[in-house]
Amino acid sequence: MKQEYDFSKGKRGPVVRSRAKTRVTMYLDNEVLENFRAKGDALGRGYQTLINDALKEYIAKASKPVDARTLRRILREELEAAG
């Protein structure tokens, strides 16, 4: 181990910064989450990716911001469609 280290060129923050995604905490109905997990397992994809895809699809069609009530409706519609 060195006596001193040179941190003059060091940068603060995470070593690898994600530019495309942000970590969020949100609450979903158990039924919604279970169905997306099952759908993800069946398709061999992550359930979070499927939720993200469903939200992006809705946003592309919507002209107003998504509120919690609308989000739940969208997720339920996606789950029913997946059957």
Protein backbone atom coordinates (compact mmCIF):
# COMPACT_ATOMS: atom_id res chain seq x y z
CA MET A 1 0.00 0.00 0.00
CA LYS A 2 1.27 3.48 -0.85
CA GLN A 3 1.90 6.13 1.78
CA GLU A 4 -0.13 8.65 -0.26
CA TYR A 5 -2.53 8.47 -3.17
CA ASP A 6 -3.11 11.17 -5.79
CA PHE A 7 -6.82 11.91 -6.14
CA SER A 8 -6.35 15.16 -8.05
CA LYS A 9 -7.90 13.63 -11.19
CA GLY A 10 -10.58 11.69 -9.31
CA LYS A 11 -14.29 12.21 -9.93
CA ARG A 12 -17.14 12.06 -7.43
CA GLY A 13 -20.15 9.86 -7.91
CA PRO A 14 -20.79 6.39 -9.25
CA VAL A 15 -18.12 4.60 -11.22
CA VAL A 16 -20.53 3.84 -14.06
CA ARG A 17 -23.30 6.34 -14.65
CA SER A 18 -26.44 5.25 -16.49
CA ARG A 19 -27.60 7.96 -18.87
CA ALA A 20 -30.70 6.23 -20.20
CA LYS A 21 -32.50 5.08 -17.05
CA THR A 22 -33.27 6.30 -13.55
CA ARG A 23 -33.92 4.11 -10.53
CA VAL A 24 -37.32 4.81 -8.94
CA THR A 25 -39.35 3.27 -6.17
CA MET A 26 -43.03 2.71 -6.89
CA TYR A 27 -45.82 0.61 -5.50
CA LEU A 28 -47.78 -1.68 -7.80
CA ASP A 29 -50.73 -3.91 -7.02
CA ASN A 30 -49.60 -7.46 -6.27
CA GLU A 31 -51.79 -8.75 -9.09
CA VAL A 32 -50.14 -6.41 -11.59
CA LEU A 33 -46.64 -7.34 -10.50
CA GLU A 34 -47.34 -11.09 -10.45
CA ASN A 35 -48.81 -10.97 -13.95
CA PHE A 36 -45.90 -9.00 -15.40
CA ARG A 37 -43.46 -11.42 -13.77
CA ALA A 38 -45.33 -14.39 -15.23
CA LYS A 39 -45.45 -12.76 -18.65
CA GLY A 40 -41.74 -11.97 -18.42
CA ASP A 41 -40.91 -15.58 -17.50
CA ALA A 42 -42.98 -16.86 -20.41
CA LEU A 43 -41.29 -14.50 -22.87
CA GLY A 44 -37.82 -14.84 -21.39
CA ARG A 45 -37.66 -11.10 -20.67
CA GLY A 46 -37.49 -9.08 -17.48
CA TYR A 47 -40.78 -7.94 -15.98
CA GLN A 48 -39.43 -4.43 -15.42
CA THR A 49 -38.64 -4.18 -19.12
CA LEU A 50 -42.20 -5.23 -19.94
CA ILE A 51 -43.62 -2.60 -17.58
CA ASN A 52 -41.32 0.01 -19.14
CA ASP A 53 -42.44 -1.02 -22.65
CA ALA A 54 -46.12 -0.79 -21.67
CA LEU A 55 -45.59 2.70 -20.26
CA LYS A 56 -43.66 3.88 -23.31
CA GLU A 57 -46.39 2.56 -25.59
CA TYR A 58 -49.03 4.42 -23.62
CA ILE A 59 -47.02 7.66 -23.55
CA ALA A 60 -46.63 7.47 -27.32
CA LYS A 61 -50.43 7.39 -27.63
CA ALA A 62 -51.30 9.79 -24.81
CA SER A 63 -51.42 13.55 -24.93
CA LYS A 64 -51.60 14.18 -21.19
CA PRO A 65 -49.34 13.08 -18.29
CA VAL A 66 -49.89 9.68 -16.69
CA ASP A 67 -51.27 9.71 -13.14
CA ALA A 68 -51.34 6.77 -10.72
CA ARG A 69 -54.94 5.85 -11.57
CA THR A 70 -54.23 5.83 -15.30
CA LEU A 71 -51.03 3.85 -14.76
CA ARG A 72 -52.94 1.11 -12.95
CA ARG A 73 -55.55 1.01 -15.73
CA ILE A 74 -52.85 0.72 -18.40
CA LEU A 75 -51.09 -2.09 -16.58
CA ARG A 76 -54.36 -4.00 -16.11
CA GLU A 77 -55.23 -3.60 -19.81
CA GLU A 78 -51.81 -4.92 -20.81
CA LEU A 79 -52.21 -7.91 -18.51
CA GLU A 80 -55.67 -8.73 -19.88
CA ALA A 81 -54.36 -8.49 -23.44
CA ALA A 82 -51.53 -10.87 -22.59
CA GLY A 83 -54.10 -13.27 -21.17
